[in-house]
């Protein structure tokens, strides 16, 4: 079988059957956001979570919120500096969500999530160290919930960073990170920074 045919069959096999509405309150999602939300929901259903590592400017916030209507409750964990960003996004979509700062997890242990919950962790790379109280609190918060990790930079030091993040919802295994991570190369979007191609210097 030709390589192109194999790739096509693989893409068809992993394509989600979940239908995500293209509008969310006052927000109209872009096609790549609808596709990403459907893929995230499919991975959550099969594996308990997903890591969305699309580039900065791809609209990961609204992609994540597009998953929320499929759950009984949603909790958003993010750096305190992003509180207003998330508050505005939640208001625009007409959704309800509990908001926690990731910094607060270092000071207090959150309750276990209610049944059929989604926990969205923005800038998830801030919780990549399992030895910290922050990580332990986040592990408790995500216990039994579906987990959506958002970060454009999932690996800061070593591949163990990625293993620690995905361990929040599944047991670490050599194939796990690849199975749960979504990172797409997207065409340039209006308002996003443009990066020149790499130039090698001898």
N, C-alpha and C. Protein backbone atom coordinates (compact mmCIF):
# COMPACT_ATOMS: atom_id res chain seq x y z
N UNK A 1 0.85 -1.18 0.00
CA UNK A 1 0.00 0.00 0.00
C UNK A 1 0.90 1.24 0.00
N UNK A 2 0.57 2.22 -0.81
CA UNK A 2 1.37 3.44 -0.91
C UNK A 2 1.30 4.23 0.39
N UNK A 3 2.38 4.99 0.67
CA UNK A 3 2.46 5.77 1.90
C UNK A 3 1.29 6.74 2.03
N UNK A 4 0.92 7.40 0.92
CA UNK A 4 -0.20 8.35 0.96
C UNK A 4 -1.50 7.68 1.36
N UNK A 5 -1.73 6.47 0.86
CA UNK A 5 -2.96 5.74 1.19
C UNK A 5 -2.97 5.35 2.66
N UNK A 6 -1.80 4.95 3.19
CA UNK A 6 -1.70 4.59 4.60
C UNK A 6 -2.02 5.79 5.48
N UNK A 7 -1.44 6.96 5.12
CA UNK A 7 -1.72 8.16 5.89
C UNK A 7 -3.20 8.53 5.85
N UNK A 8 -3.82 8.39 4.70
CA UNK A 8 -5.24 8.71 4.57
C UNK A 8 -6.09 7.80 5.44
N UNK A 9 -5.74 6.51 5.48
CA UNK A 9 -6.50 5.57 6.31
C UNK A 9 -6.31 5.86 7.79
N UNK A 10 -5.09 6.24 8.16
CA UNK A 10 -4.82 6.59 9.57
C UNK A 10 -5.61 7.83 9.96
N UNK A 11 -5.63 8.84 9.09
CA UNK A 11 -6.37 10.07 9.39
C UNK A 11 -7.85 9.79 9.54
N UNK A 12 -8.38 8.93 8.67
CA UNK A 12 -9.79 8.58 8.74
C UNK A 12 -10.10 7.84 10.04
N UNK A 13 -9.16 6.99 10.47
CA UNK A 13 -9.39 6.18 11.67
C UNK A 13 -9.45 7.04 12.93
N UNK A 14 -8.66 8.12 12.97
CA UNK A 14 -8.64 8.94 14.18
C UNK A 14 -9.62 10.11 14.13
N UNK A 15 -10.24 10.36 12.98
CA UNK A 15 -11.17 11.48 12.88
C UNK A 15 -12.36 11.26 13.81
N UNK A 16 -12.71 12.29 14.51
CA UNK A 16 -13.76 12.18 15.52
C UNK A 16 -15.15 12.13 14.87
N UNK A 17 -16.06 11.43 15.53
CA UNK A 17 -17.45 11.39 15.09
C UNK A 17 -18.30 12.35 15.92
N UNK A 18 -17.69 13.07 16.86
CA UNK A 18 -18.42 14.03 17.69
C UNK A 18 -18.74 15.26 16.84
N UNK A 19 -19.98 15.75 16.95
CA UNK A 19 -20.39 16.93 16.21
C UNK A 19 -20.38 18.13 17.17
N UNK A 20 -19.52 19.09 16.88
CA UNK A 20 -19.39 20.30 17.70
C UNK A 20 -20.07 21.44 16.96
N UNK A 21 -21.06 22.11 17.57
CA UNK A 21 -21.72 23.24 16.91
C UNK A 21 -20.72 24.35 16.61
N UNK A 22 -20.86 25.02 15.47
CA UNK A 22 -19.90 26.07 15.09
C UNK A 22 -20.12 27.40 15.82
N UNK A 23 -21.22 27.54 16.55
CA UNK A 23 -21.43 28.76 17.32
C UNK A 23 -21.56 28.42 18.80
N UNK A 24 -21.08 29.35 19.61
CA UNK A 24 -21.07 29.15 21.06
C UNK A 24 -21.43 30.50 21.68
N UNK A 25 -22.70 30.69 22.02
CA UNK A 25 -23.12 32.00 22.49
C UNK A 25 -22.93 33.03 21.40
N UNK A 26 -22.15 34.08 21.71
CA UNK A 26 -21.88 35.14 20.74
C UNK A 26 -20.64 34.87 19.90
N UNK A 27 -20.07 33.69 20.04
CA UNK A 27 -18.81 33.36 19.37
C UNK A 27 -19.06 32.41 18.21
N UNK A 28 -18.50 32.73 17.05
CA UNK A 28 -18.50 31.82 15.91
C UNK A 28 -17.11 31.21 15.83
N UNK A 29 -17.06 29.91 15.96
CA UNK A 29 -15.78 29.21 15.95
C UNK A 29 -15.23 29.09 14.53
N UNK A 30 -13.94 29.12 14.40
CA UNK A 30 -13.30 28.88 13.11
C UNK A 30 -13.27 27.38 12.86
N UNK A 31 -13.20 26.98 11.59
CA UNK A 31 -13.21 25.54 11.28
C UNK A 31 -12.15 24.74 12.04
N UNK A 32 -10.95 25.30 12.19
CA UNK A 32 -9.89 24.54 12.88
C UNK A 32 -10.21 24.38 14.37
N UNK A 33 -10.99 25.32 14.94
CA UNK A 33 -11.39 25.19 16.34
C UNK A 33 -12.47 24.13 16.51
N UNK A 34 -13.41 24.09 15.58
CA UNK A 34 -14.46 23.06 15.62
C UNK A 34 -13.82 21.68 15.49
N UNK A 35 -12.89 21.55 14.56
CA UNK A 35 -12.20 20.27 14.36
C UNK A 35 -11.42 19.87 15.60
N UNK A 36 -10.69 20.82 16.18
CA UNK A 36 -9.90 20.51 17.37
C UNK A 36 -10.78 20.09 18.54
N UNK A 37 -11.90 20.80 18.74
CA UNK A 37 -12.80 20.45 19.84
C UNK A 37 -13.35 19.03 19.67
N UNK A 38 -13.69 18.67 18.45
CA UNK A 38 -14.21 17.32 18.20
C UNK A 38 -13.14 16.28 18.48
N UNK A 39 -11.90 16.55 18.09
CA UNK A 39 -10.81 15.61 18.34
C UNK A 39 -10.51 15.50 19.83
N UNK A 40 -10.57 16.63 20.53
CA UNK A 40 -10.36 16.62 21.98
C UNK A 40 -11.44 15.77 22.66
N UNK A 41 -12.69 15.98 22.30
CA UNK A 41 -13.78 15.23 22.92
C UNK A 41 -13.66 13.73 22.64
N UNK A 42 -13.21 13.40 21.44
CA UNK A 42 -13.03 11.99 21.11
C UNK A 42 -11.93 11.38 21.97
N UNK A 43 -10.85 12.09 22.17
CA UNK A 43 -9.76 11.58 23.02
C UNK A 43 -10.17 11.52 24.49
N UNK A 44 -10.93 12.50 24.93
CA UNK A 44 -11.43 12.46 26.30
C UNK A 44 -12.31 11.24 26.52
N UNK A 45 -13.13 10.94 25.55
CA UNK A 45 -14.03 9.79 25.65
C UNK A 45 -13.24 8.48 25.71
N UNK A 46 -12.17 8.39 24.92
CA UNK A 46 -11.39 7.15 24.87
C UNK A 46 -10.31 7.07 25.94
N UNK A 47 -9.67 8.21 26.24
CA UNK A 47 -8.46 8.18 27.06
C UNK A 47 -8.54 9.01 28.34
N UNK A 48 -9.64 9.75 28.51
CA UNK A 48 -9.79 10.53 29.73
C UNK A 48 -9.22 11.93 29.66
N UNK A 49 -8.64 12.29 28.53
CA UNK A 49 -8.10 13.63 28.42
C UNK A 49 -7.35 13.84 27.13
N UNK A 50 -6.89 15.08 26.97
CA UNK A 50 -6.12 15.44 25.77
C UNK A 50 -5.24 16.63 26.10
N UNK A 51 -4.17 16.78 25.34
CA UNK A 51 -3.29 17.94 25.46
C UNK A 51 -3.33 18.66 24.12
N UNK A 52 -3.86 19.89 24.13
CA UNK A 52 -3.96 20.68 22.92
C UNK A 52 -2.79 21.65 22.89
N UNK A 53 -1.87 21.45 21.95
CA UNK A 53 -0.63 22.23 21.89
C UNK A 53 -0.55 23.05 20.61
N UNK A 54 -1.70 23.52 20.12
CA UNK A 54 -1.69 24.37 18.94
C UNK A 54 -0.89 25.65 19.23
N UNK A 55 -0.39 26.31 18.18
CA UNK A 55 0.42 27.50 18.40
C UNK A 55 -0.35 28.66 19.04
N UNK A 56 0.40 29.60 19.59
CA UNK A 56 -0.18 30.82 20.15
C UNK A 56 -1.00 31.52 19.07
N UNK A 57 -2.19 31.99 19.45
CA UNK A 57 -3.04 32.70 18.50
C UNK A 57 -4.03 31.84 17.77
N UNK A 58 -4.01 30.52 18.02
CA UNK A 58 -4.92 29.61 17.32
C UNK A 58 -6.31 29.57 17.95
N UNK A 59 -6.48 30.20 19.10
CA UNK A 59 -7.80 30.23 19.74
C UNK A 59 -8.08 29.03 20.61
N UNK A 60 -7.08 28.58 21.37
CA UNK A 60 -7.27 27.40 22.22
C UNK A 60 -8.33 27.63 23.30
N UNK A 61 -8.47 28.89 23.76
CA UNK A 61 -9.47 29.18 24.79
C UNK A 61 -10.87 28.82 24.32
N UNK A 62 -11.24 29.27 23.13
CA UNK A 62 -12.59 28.99 22.63
C UNK A 62 -12.73 27.53 22.18
N UNK A 63 -11.65 26.94 21.72
CA UNK A 63 -11.68 25.50 21.41
C UNK A 63 -12.03 24.72 22.68
N UNK A 64 -11.38 25.09 23.77
CA UNK A 64 -11.64 24.40 25.05
C UNK A 64 -13.08 24.61 25.50
N UNK A 65 -13.55 25.85 25.42
CA UNK A 65 -14.92 26.13 25.86
C UNK A 65 -15.96 25.45 24.97
N UNK A 66 -15.61 25.16 23.72
CA UNK A 66 -16.54 24.43 22.84
C UNK A 66 -16.77 23.01 23.33
N UNK A 67 -15.87 22.52 24.18
CA UNK A 67 -16.03 21.17 24.75
C UNK A 67 -16.93 21.18 25.98
N UNK A 68 -17.04 22.32 26.64
CA UNK A 68 -17.75 22.40 27.92
C UNK A 68 -19.21 21.97 27.87
N UNK A 69 -20.00 22.31 26.82
CA UNK A 69 -21.41 21.90 26.82
C UNK A 69 -21.64 20.39 26.86
N UNK A 70 -20.61 19.61 26.62
CA UNK A 70 -20.74 18.15 26.63
C UNK A 70 -20.60 17.58 28.04
N UNK A 71 -20.43 18.45 29.05
CA UNK A 71 -20.21 18.01 30.42
C UNK A 71 -21.21 18.67 31.37
N UNK A 72 -21.39 18.03 32.53
CA UNK A 72 -22.30 18.58 33.54
C UNK A 72 -21.70 19.80 34.22
N UNK A 73 -20.38 19.83 34.36
CA UNK A 73 -19.73 20.98 34.98
C UNK A 73 -18.33 21.15 34.41
N UNK A 74 -17.84 22.39 34.46
CA UNK A 74 -16.52 22.70 33.92
C UNK A 74 -15.76 23.55 34.92
N UNK A 75 -14.49 23.20 35.12
CA UNK A 75 -13.59 24.00 35.95
C UNK A 75 -12.42 24.43 35.08
N UNK A 76 -12.08 25.72 35.14
CA UNK A 76 -10.94 26.25 34.40
C UNK A 76 -9.84 26.59 35.41
N UNK A 77 -8.65 26.06 35.19
CA UNK A 77 -7.49 26.37 36.01
C UNK A 77 -6.49 27.09 35.11
N UNK A 78 -6.06 28.28 35.52
CA UNK A 78 -5.15 29.06 34.69
C UNK A 78 -4.37 30.02 35.57
N UNK A 79 -3.26 30.56 35.07
CA UNK A 79 -2.54 31.58 35.84
C UNK A 79 -3.44 32.76 36.17
N UNK A 80 -3.22 33.37 37.33
CA UNK A 80 -4.07 34.46 37.79
C UNK A 80 -4.13 35.61 36.79
N UNK A 81 -3.05 35.83 36.06
CA UNK A 81 -3.00 36.93 35.11
C UNK A 81 -4.01 36.74 33.97
N UNK A 82 -4.50 35.52 33.77
CA UNK A 82 -5.45 35.24 32.70
C UNK A 82 -6.91 35.24 33.18
N UNK A 83 -7.13 35.61 34.42
CA UNK A 83 -8.49 35.58 34.98
C UNK A 83 -9.47 36.38 34.12
N UNK A 84 -9.13 37.62 33.79
CA UNK A 84 -10.05 38.46 33.02
C UNK A 84 -10.27 37.91 31.61
N UNK A 85 -9.22 37.38 31.01
CA UNK A 85 -9.35 36.79 29.68
C UNK A 85 -10.36 35.66 29.68
N UNK A 86 -10.25 34.77 30.66
CA UNK A 86 -11.18 33.65 30.75
C UNK A 86 -12.58 34.12 31.13
N UNK A 87 -12.67 35.09 32.03
CA UNK A 87 -13.99 35.60 32.43
C UNK A 87 -14.74 36.15 31.23
N UNK A 88 -14.03 36.95 30.41
CA UNK A 88 -14.67 37.51 29.21
C UNK A 88 -15.07 36.42 28.23
N UNK A 89 -14.21 35.44 28.04
CA UNK A 89 -14.51 34.35 27.10
C UNK A 89 -15.72 33.54 27.57
N UNK A 90 -15.79 33.27 28.86
CA UNK A 90 -16.92 32.50 29.41
C UNK A 90 -18.21 33.30 29.25
N UNK A 91 -18.15 34.61 29.49
CA UNK A 91 -19.34 35.45 29.32
C UNK A 91 -19.79 35.48 27.86
N UNK A 92 -18.85 35.61 26.94
CA UNK A 92 -19.21 35.67 25.51
C UNK A 92 -19.86 34.38 25.03
N UNK A 93 -19.44 33.26 25.59
CA UNK A 93 -20.00 31.97 25.15
C UNK A 93 -21.31 31.63 25.87
N UNK A 94 -21.64 32.38 26.92
CA UNK A 94 -22.86 32.09 27.66
C UNK A 94 -22.78 30.85 28.51
N UNK A 95 -21.56 30.39 28.79
CA UNK A 95 -21.38 29.17 29.57
C UNK A 95 -21.19 29.49 31.04
N UNK A 96 -21.21 28.45 31.86
CA UNK A 96 -20.90 28.58 33.27
C UNK A 96 -19.69 27.71 33.55
N UNK A 97 -18.76 28.25 34.32
CA UNK A 97 -17.56 27.50 34.68
C UNK A 97 -17.00 28.03 35.99
N UNK A 98 -16.43 27.14 36.76
CA UNK A 98 -15.71 27.53 37.97
C UNK A 98 -14.28 27.89 37.58
N UNK A 99 -13.76 28.95 38.13
CA UNK A 99 -12.41 29.41 37.79
C UNK A 99 -11.51 29.32 39.01
N UNK A 100 -10.30 28.73 38.82
CA UNK A 100 -9.30 28.66 39.88
C UNK A 100 -7.97 29.14 39.32
N UNK A 101 -7.22 29.89 40.10
CA UNK A 101 -5.88 30.24 39.64
C UNK A 101 -4.95 29.07 39.93
N UNK A 102 -4.01 28.87 39.04
CA UNK A 102 -3.07 27.76 39.23
C UNK A 102 -2.19 28.02 40.45
N UNK A 103 -1.99 29.32 40.75
CA UNK A 103 -1.19 29.66 41.93
C UNK A 103 -1.88 29.23 43.22
N UNK A 104 -3.22 29.29 43.24
CA UNK A 104 -3.95 28.93 44.46
C UNK A 104 -3.78 27.46 44.81
N UNK A 105 -3.45 26.63 43.82
CA UNK A 105 -3.27 25.21 44.08
C UNK A 105 -2.04 24.94 44.95
N UNK A 106 -1.12 25.90 45.01
CA UNK A 106 0.05 25.75 45.87
C UNK A 106 -0.28 26.01 47.32
N UNK A 107 -1.43 26.64 47.58
CA UNK A 107 -1.79 27.04 48.94
C UNK A 107 -2.93 26.22 49.54
N UNK A 108 -3.79 25.68 48.70
CA UNK A 108 -4.96 24.96 49.22
C UNK A 108 -5.27 23.75 48.35
N UNK A 109 -5.84 22.74 48.97
CA UNK A 109 -6.20 21.52 48.25
C UNK A 109 -7.65 21.64 47.79
N UNK A 110 -7.90 21.55 46.49
CA UNK A 110 -9.28 21.70 46.00
C UNK A 110 -10.09 20.43 46.27
N UNK A 111 -11.41 20.54 46.22
CA UNK A 111 -12.25 19.35 46.40
C UNK A 111 -12.18 18.46 45.16
N UNK A 112 -12.60 17.23 45.32
CA UNK A 112 -12.71 16.33 44.17
C UNK A 112 -13.77 16.88 43.22
N UNK A 113 -13.60 16.66 41.93
CA UNK A 113 -14.58 17.19 40.98
C UNK A 113 -15.88 16.39 41.03
N UNK A 114 -17.01 17.05 40.70
CA UNK A 114 -18.27 16.31 40.63
C UNK A 114 -18.26 15.35 39.44
N UNK A 115 -19.20 14.42 39.39
CA UNK A 115 -19.26 13.49 38.25
C UNK A 115 -19.46 14.22 36.93
N UNK A 116 -18.98 13.61 35.85
CA UNK A 116 -19.12 14.13 34.49
C UNK A 116 -18.57 15.54 34.37
N UNK A 117 -17.37 15.74 34.91
CA UNK A 117 -16.74 17.05 34.89
C UNK A 117 -15.66 17.13 33.82
N UNK A 118 -15.44 18.36 33.35
CA UNK A 118 -14.30 18.68 32.50
C UNK A 118 -13.44 19.68 33.26
N UNK A 119 -12.15 19.39 33.33
CA UNK A 119 -11.19 20.32 33.93
C UNK A 119 -10.27 20.81 32.81
N UNK A 120 -10.30 22.11 32.56
CA UNK A 120 -9.45 22.74 31.55
C UNK A 120 -8.28 23.39 32.27
N UNK A 121 -7.06 23.05 31.88
CA UNK A 121 -5.87 23.63 32.50
C UNK A 121 -5.13 24.43 31.44
N UNK A 122 -5.21 25.76 31.54
CA UNK A 122 -4.53 26.64 30.59
C UNK A 122 -3.10 26.89 31.07
N UNK A 123 -2.19 27.08 30.11
CA UNK A 123 -0.76 27.22 30.44
C UNK A 123 -0.33 26.04 31.32
N UNK A 124 -0.71 24.85 30.87
CA UNK A 124 -0.52 23.64 31.68
C UNK A 124 0.94 23.35 32.02
N UNK A 125 1.86 23.91 31.26
CA UNK A 125 3.28 23.66 31.55
C UNK A 125 3.70 24.18 32.92
N UNK A 126 2.88 25.04 33.54
CA UNK A 126 3.17 25.51 34.90
C UNK A 126 2.97 24.40 35.93
N UNK A 127 2.40 23.29 35.52
CA UNK A 127 2.16 22.17 36.44
C UNK A 127 2.90 20.92 35.96
N UNK A 128 4.12 21.10 35.50
CA UNK A 128 4.85 19.97 34.93
C UNK A 128 5.73 19.23 35.93
N UNK A 129 5.79 19.71 37.18
CA UNK A 129 6.67 19.11 38.18
C UNK A 129 5.85 18.34 39.21
N UNK A 130 5.87 17.00 39.17
CA UNK A 130 5.05 16.20 40.10
C UNK A 130 5.47 16.34 41.56
N UNK A 131 6.66 16.91 41.83
CA UNK A 131 7.12 17.02 43.21
C UNK A 131 6.53 18.22 43.94
N UNK A 132 5.76 19.06 43.25
CA UNK A 132 5.23 20.27 43.87
C UNK A 132 3.83 20.06 44.44
N UNK A 133 3.48 20.90 45.42
CA UNK A 133 2.12 20.85 45.98
C UNK A 133 1.10 21.23 44.91
N UNK A 134 1.48 22.17 44.03
CA UNK A 134 0.59 22.58 42.94
C UNK A 134 0.17 21.38 42.11
N UNK A 135 1.14 20.55 41.75
CA UNK A 135 0.84 19.38 40.92
C UNK A 135 -0.06 18.41 41.67
N UNK A 136 0.26 18.18 42.95
CA UNK A 136 -0.54 17.23 43.74
C UNK A 136 -1.98 17.71 43.87
N UNK A 137 -2.17 19.02 44.07
CA UNK A 137 -3.52 19.57 44.16
C UNK A 137 -4.25 19.43 42.83
N UNK A 138 -3.54 19.67 41.74
CA UNK A 138 -4.16 19.53 40.42
C UNK A 138 -4.51 18.08 40.14
N UNK A 139 -3.67 17.16 40.58
CA UNK A 139 -3.97 15.73 40.41
C UNK A 139 -5.25 15.36 41.15
N UNK A 140 -5.46 15.95 42.32
CA UNK A 140 -6.70 15.68 43.07
C UNK A 140 -7.90 16.29 42.33
N UNK A 141 -7.72 17.51 41.84
CA UNK A 141 -8.81 18.20 41.16
C UNK A 141 -9.24 17.46 39.89
N UNK A 142 -8.31 16.81 39.23
CA UNK A 142 -8.61 16.12 37.97
C UNK A 142 -8.99 14.66 38.17
N UNK A 143 -8.99 14.19 39.40
CA UNK A 143 -9.27 12.78 39.67
C UNK A 143 -10.67 12.41 39.20
N UNK A 144 -10.76 11.52 38.24
CA UNK A 144 -12.05 11.05 37.75
C UNK A 144 -12.71 11.97 36.73
N UNK A 145 -12.13 13.14 36.48
CA UNK A 145 -12.68 14.07 35.50
C UNK A 145 -11.99 13.88 34.16
N UNK A 146 -12.61 14.36 33.09
CA UNK A 146 -11.90 14.48 31.82
C UNK A 146 -11.07 15.74 31.88
N UNK A 147 -9.88 15.69 31.32
CA UNK A 147 -8.91 16.77 31.47
C UNK A 147 -8.47 17.27 30.11
N UNK A 148 -8.52 18.59 29.92
CA UNK A 148 -8.01 19.21 28.71
C UNK A 148 -6.89 20.15 29.10
N UNK A 149 -5.68 19.81 28.70
CA UNK A 149 -4.50 20.62 28.97
C UNK A 149 -4.23 21.50 27.77
N UNK A 150 -4.00 22.79 28.02
CA UNK A 150 -3.70 23.75 26.95
C UNK A 150 -2.31 24.32 27.17
N UNK A 151 -1.46 24.21 26.18
CA UNK A 151 -0.15 24.85 26.24
C UNK A 151 0.50 24.77 24.86
N UNK A 152 1.08 25.88 24.44
CA UNK A 152 1.82 25.88 23.18
C UNK A 152 3.22 25.35 23.39
N UNK A 153 3.64 25.20 24.66
CA UNK A 153 5.00 24.74 24.97
C UNK A 153 4.95 23.63 26.01
N UNK A 154 4.53 22.43 25.63
CA UNK A 154 4.37 21.36 26.61
C UNK A 154 5.68 20.83 27.19
N UNK A 155 6.78 20.98 26.46
CA UNK A 155 8.08 20.49 26.93
C UNK A 155 9.00 21.68 27.17
N UNK A 156 9.45 21.86 28.41
CA UNK A 156 10.38 22.93 28.73
C UNK A 156 11.78 22.40 28.95
N UNK A 157 11.90 21.25 29.60
CA UNK A 157 13.21 20.70 29.92
C UNK A 157 13.46 19.37 29.23
N UNK A 158 12.65 18.38 29.56
CA UNK A 158 12.81 17.05 28.97
C UNK A 158 11.43 16.48 28.66
N UNK A 159 11.43 15.32 28.00
CA UNK A 159 10.17 14.64 27.68
C UNK A 159 9.40 14.26 28.94
N UNK A 160 10.09 14.23 30.08
CA UNK A 160 9.39 13.92 31.34
C UNK A 160 8.33 14.98 31.67
N UNK A 161 8.54 16.20 31.18
CA UNK A 161 7.51 17.24 31.38
C UNK A 161 6.19 16.77 30.78
N UNK A 162 6.25 16.27 29.59
CA UNK A 162 5.05 15.81 28.89
C UNK A 162 4.44 14.60 29.59
N UNK A 163 5.29 13.70 30.06
CA UNK A 163 4.79 12.52 30.78
C UNK A 163 4.06 12.93 32.05
N UNK A 164 4.60 13.95 32.76
CA UNK A 164 3.97 14.39 34.01
C UNK A 164 2.60 15.00 33.72
N UNK A 165 2.50 15.77 32.65
CA UNK A 165 1.22 16.39 32.32
C UNK A 165 0.18 15.35 31.95
N UNK A 166 0.54 14.42 31.06
CA UNK A 166 -0.45 13.43 30.64
C UNK A 166 -0.78 12.45 31.75
N UNK A 167 0.10 12.32 32.76
CA UNK A 167 -0.20 11.44 33.89
C UNK A 167 -1.35 11.99 34.74
N UNK A 168 -1.74 13.23 34.52
CA UNK A 168 -2.87 13.79 35.25
C UNK A 168 -4.18 13.10 34.89
N UNK A 169 -4.21 12.41 33.75
CA UNK A 169 -5.45 11.72 33.39
C UNK A 169 -5.25 10.32 32.85
N UNK A 170 -4.03 9.88 32.71
CA UNK A 170 -3.82 8.51 32.23
C UNK A 170 -2.48 8.00 32.72
N UNK A 171 -2.30 6.71 32.78
CA UNK A 171 -1.03 6.17 33.26
C UNK A 171 0.04 6.40 32.21
N UNK A 172 1.25 6.82 32.63
CA UNK A 172 2.31 7.06 31.66
C UNK A 172 2.66 5.77 30.91
N UNK A 173 2.87 5.90 29.64
CA UNK A 173 3.30 4.79 28.79
C UNK A 173 4.01 5.39 27.59
N UNK A 174 4.91 4.64 26.94
CA UNK A 174 5.67 5.21 25.83
C UNK A 174 4.80 5.79 24.72
N UNK A 175 3.61 5.22 24.50
CA UNK A 175 2.77 5.71 23.40
C UNK A 175 1.74 6.74 23.85
N UNK A 176 1.62 6.96 25.15
CA UNK A 176 0.52 7.78 25.66
C UNK A 176 0.60 9.22 25.18
N UNK A 177 1.76 9.86 25.31
CA UNK A 177 1.87 11.28 24.97
C UNK A 177 1.47 11.52 23.52
N UNK A 178 1.93 10.67 22.62
CA UNK A 178 1.59 10.84 21.21
C UNK A 178 0.10 10.63 20.98
N UNK A 179 -0.50 9.72 21.72
CA UNK A 179 -1.92 9.41 21.51
C UNK A 179 -2.82 10.53 21.97
N UNK A 180 -2.42 11.28 23.00
CA UNK A 180 -3.32 12.29 23.58
C UNK A 180 -2.99 13.71 23.16
N UNK A 181 -1.84 13.91 22.49
CA UNK A 181 -1.43 15.27 22.14
C UNK A 181 -1.92 15.66 20.76
N UNK A 182 -2.50 16.86 20.68
CA UNK A 182 -2.93 17.43 19.41
C UNK A 182 -2.11 18.69 19.16
N UNK A 183 -1.35 18.68 18.10
CA UNK A 183 -0.61 19.89 17.69
C UNK A 183 -0.67 19.95 16.19
N UNK A 184 -1.37 20.95 15.68
CA UNK A 184 -1.53 21.08 14.24
C UNK A 184 -0.73 22.25 13.72
N UNK A 185 -0.23 22.13 12.50
CA UNK A 185 0.38 23.25 11.81
C UNK A 185 -0.75 23.95 11.07
N UNK A 186 -1.03 25.19 11.48
CA UNK A 186 -2.17 25.90 10.93
C UNK A 186 -1.70 26.99 9.99
N UNK A 187 -2.52 27.32 8.99
CA UNK A 187 -2.17 28.46 8.13
C UNK A 187 -2.17 29.74 8.96
N UNK A 188 -1.48 30.74 8.46
CA UNK A 188 -1.40 32.01 9.19
C UNK A 188 -2.80 32.57 9.42
N UNK A 189 -3.10 32.93 10.64
CA UNK A 189 -4.40 33.48 10.99
C UNK A 189 -4.27 34.98 11.17
N UNK A 190 -5.33 35.73 10.85
CA UNK A 190 -5.27 37.19 11.02
C UNK A 190 -4.89 37.56 12.46
N UNK A 191 -3.94 38.48 12.59
CA UNK A 191 -3.57 38.97 13.90
C UNK A 191 -2.56 38.12 14.65
N UNK A 192 -2.11 37.01 14.07
CA UNK A 192 -1.13 36.18 14.75
C UNK A 192 0.27 36.52 14.25
N UNK A 193 1.27 36.38 15.12
CA UNK A 193 2.63 36.71 14.68
C UNK A 193 3.10 35.75 13.60
N UNK A 194 3.85 36.28 12.66
CA UNK A 194 4.40 35.45 11.59
C UNK A 194 5.86 35.13 11.92
N UNK A 195 6.22 33.89 11.77
CA UNK A 195 7.57 33.45 12.07
C UNK A 195 8.26 33.08 10.77
N UNK A 196 9.43 33.65 10.54
CA UNK A 196 10.15 33.32 9.31
C UNK A 196 10.69 31.90 9.39
N UNK A 197 10.88 31.25 8.24
CA UNK A 197 11.43 29.89 8.24
C UNK A 197 12.83 29.87 8.85
N UNK A 198 13.22 28.72 9.38
CA UNK A 198 14.56 28.56 9.96
C UNK A 198 15.61 28.71 8.85
N UNK A 199 16.66 29.43 9.15
CA UNK A 199 17.78 29.55 8.22
C UNK A 199 19.01 28.95 8.89
N UNK A 200 19.59 27.97 8.24
CA UNK A 200 20.77 27.31 8.79
C UNK A 200 22.00 28.14 8.48
N UNK A 201 22.86 28.30 9.49
CA UNK A 201 24.11 29.04 9.32
C UNK A 201 25.26 28.06 9.51
N UNK A 202 26.09 27.92 8.47
CA UNK A 202 27.24 26.99 8.56
C UNK A 202 28.28 27.52 9.53
